[in-house]
Protein backbone atom coordinates (compact mmCIF):
# COMPACT_ATOMS: atom_id res chain seq x y z
CA MET A 1 0.41 -1.98 1.78
CA THR A 2 3.83 -3.33 2.57
CA LYS A 3 6.63 -3.70 0.04
CA ARG A 4 6.46 -7.47 0.45
CA HIS A 5 2.75 -7.46 -0.41
CA ILE A 6 3.30 -5.26 -3.47
CA HIS A 7 6.14 -7.48 -4.74
CA SER A 8 3.99 -10.57 -4.22
CA ARG A 9 1.13 -9.06 -6.23
CA ILE A 10 3.48 -8.05 -9.05
CA GLY A 11 4.92 -11.58 -9.12
CA GLN A 12 1.43 -13.08 -9.28
CA PHE A 13 0.55 -10.77 -12.16
CA PHE A 14 3.57 -11.83 -14.20
CA THR A 15 2.94 -15.50 -13.44
CA MET A 16 -0.64 -15.14 -14.68
CA LEU A 17 0.51 -13.20 -17.74
CA GLY A 18 3.03 -15.93 -18.56
CA SER A 19 0.32 -18.58 -18.26
CA ALA A 20 -1.97 -16.59 -20.54
CA VAL A 21 0.74 -16.29 -23.18
CA ALA A 22 1.56 -20.01 -22.93
CA VAL A 23 -2.11 -21.04 -23.28
CA ALA A 24 -2.69 -18.66 -26.19
CA SER A 25 0.42 -19.92 -27.96
CA ALA A 26 -0.48 -23.58 -27.50
CA THR A 27 -4.05 -23.11 -28.73
CA ARG A 28 -2.86 -21.13 -31.73
CA LEU A 29 -0.60 -24.03 -32.67
CA GLY A 30 -3.47 -26.48 -32.17
CA GLU A 31 -1.84 -28.10 -29.14
CA GLN A 32 -3.17 -28.84 -25.67
CA PRO A 33 -1.96 -26.21 -23.16
CA ALA A 34 -0.32 -27.35 -19.93
CA ALA A 35 -2.85 -28.11 -17.21
CA SER A 36 -0.90 -25.96 -14.73
CA ASP A 37 -1.20 -22.93 -17.02
CA LEU A 38 -4.93 -23.49 -17.43
CA ARG A 39 -5.41 -23.84 -13.67
CA ALA A 40 -3.43 -20.63 -13.08
CA LEU A 41 -6.01 -18.85 -15.23
CA GLY A 42 -8.94 -20.48 -13.42
CA ILE A 43 -9.80 -22.82 -16.32
CA ASP A 44 -10.62 -26.48 -15.70
CA PRO A 45 -8.25 -28.53 -17.93
CA VAL A 46 -10.82 -31.33 -18.37
CA GLN A 47 -13.49 -28.89 -19.51
CA PHE A 48 -11.02 -27.14 -21.79
CA ARG A 49 -10.35 -30.41 -23.65
CA THR A 50 -14.07 -30.69 -24.51
CA ILE A 51 -13.97 -27.45 -26.53
CA HIS A 52 -13.86 -28.14 -30.26
CA ARG A 53 -12.79 -25.60 -32.85
CA ASN A 54 -14.13 -25.66 -36.39
């Protein structure tokens, strides 16, 4: 593995981690997370909006 490849993978990890934190924070506050953060996690934003919490 080249250094460039390793740095790219580390960057992708932190981007995904940031998206996970942003989505978790928004849902905890009862807000709609950003569609870009949901897509980064592989979640369809339209489907996510159909989920209802009790």
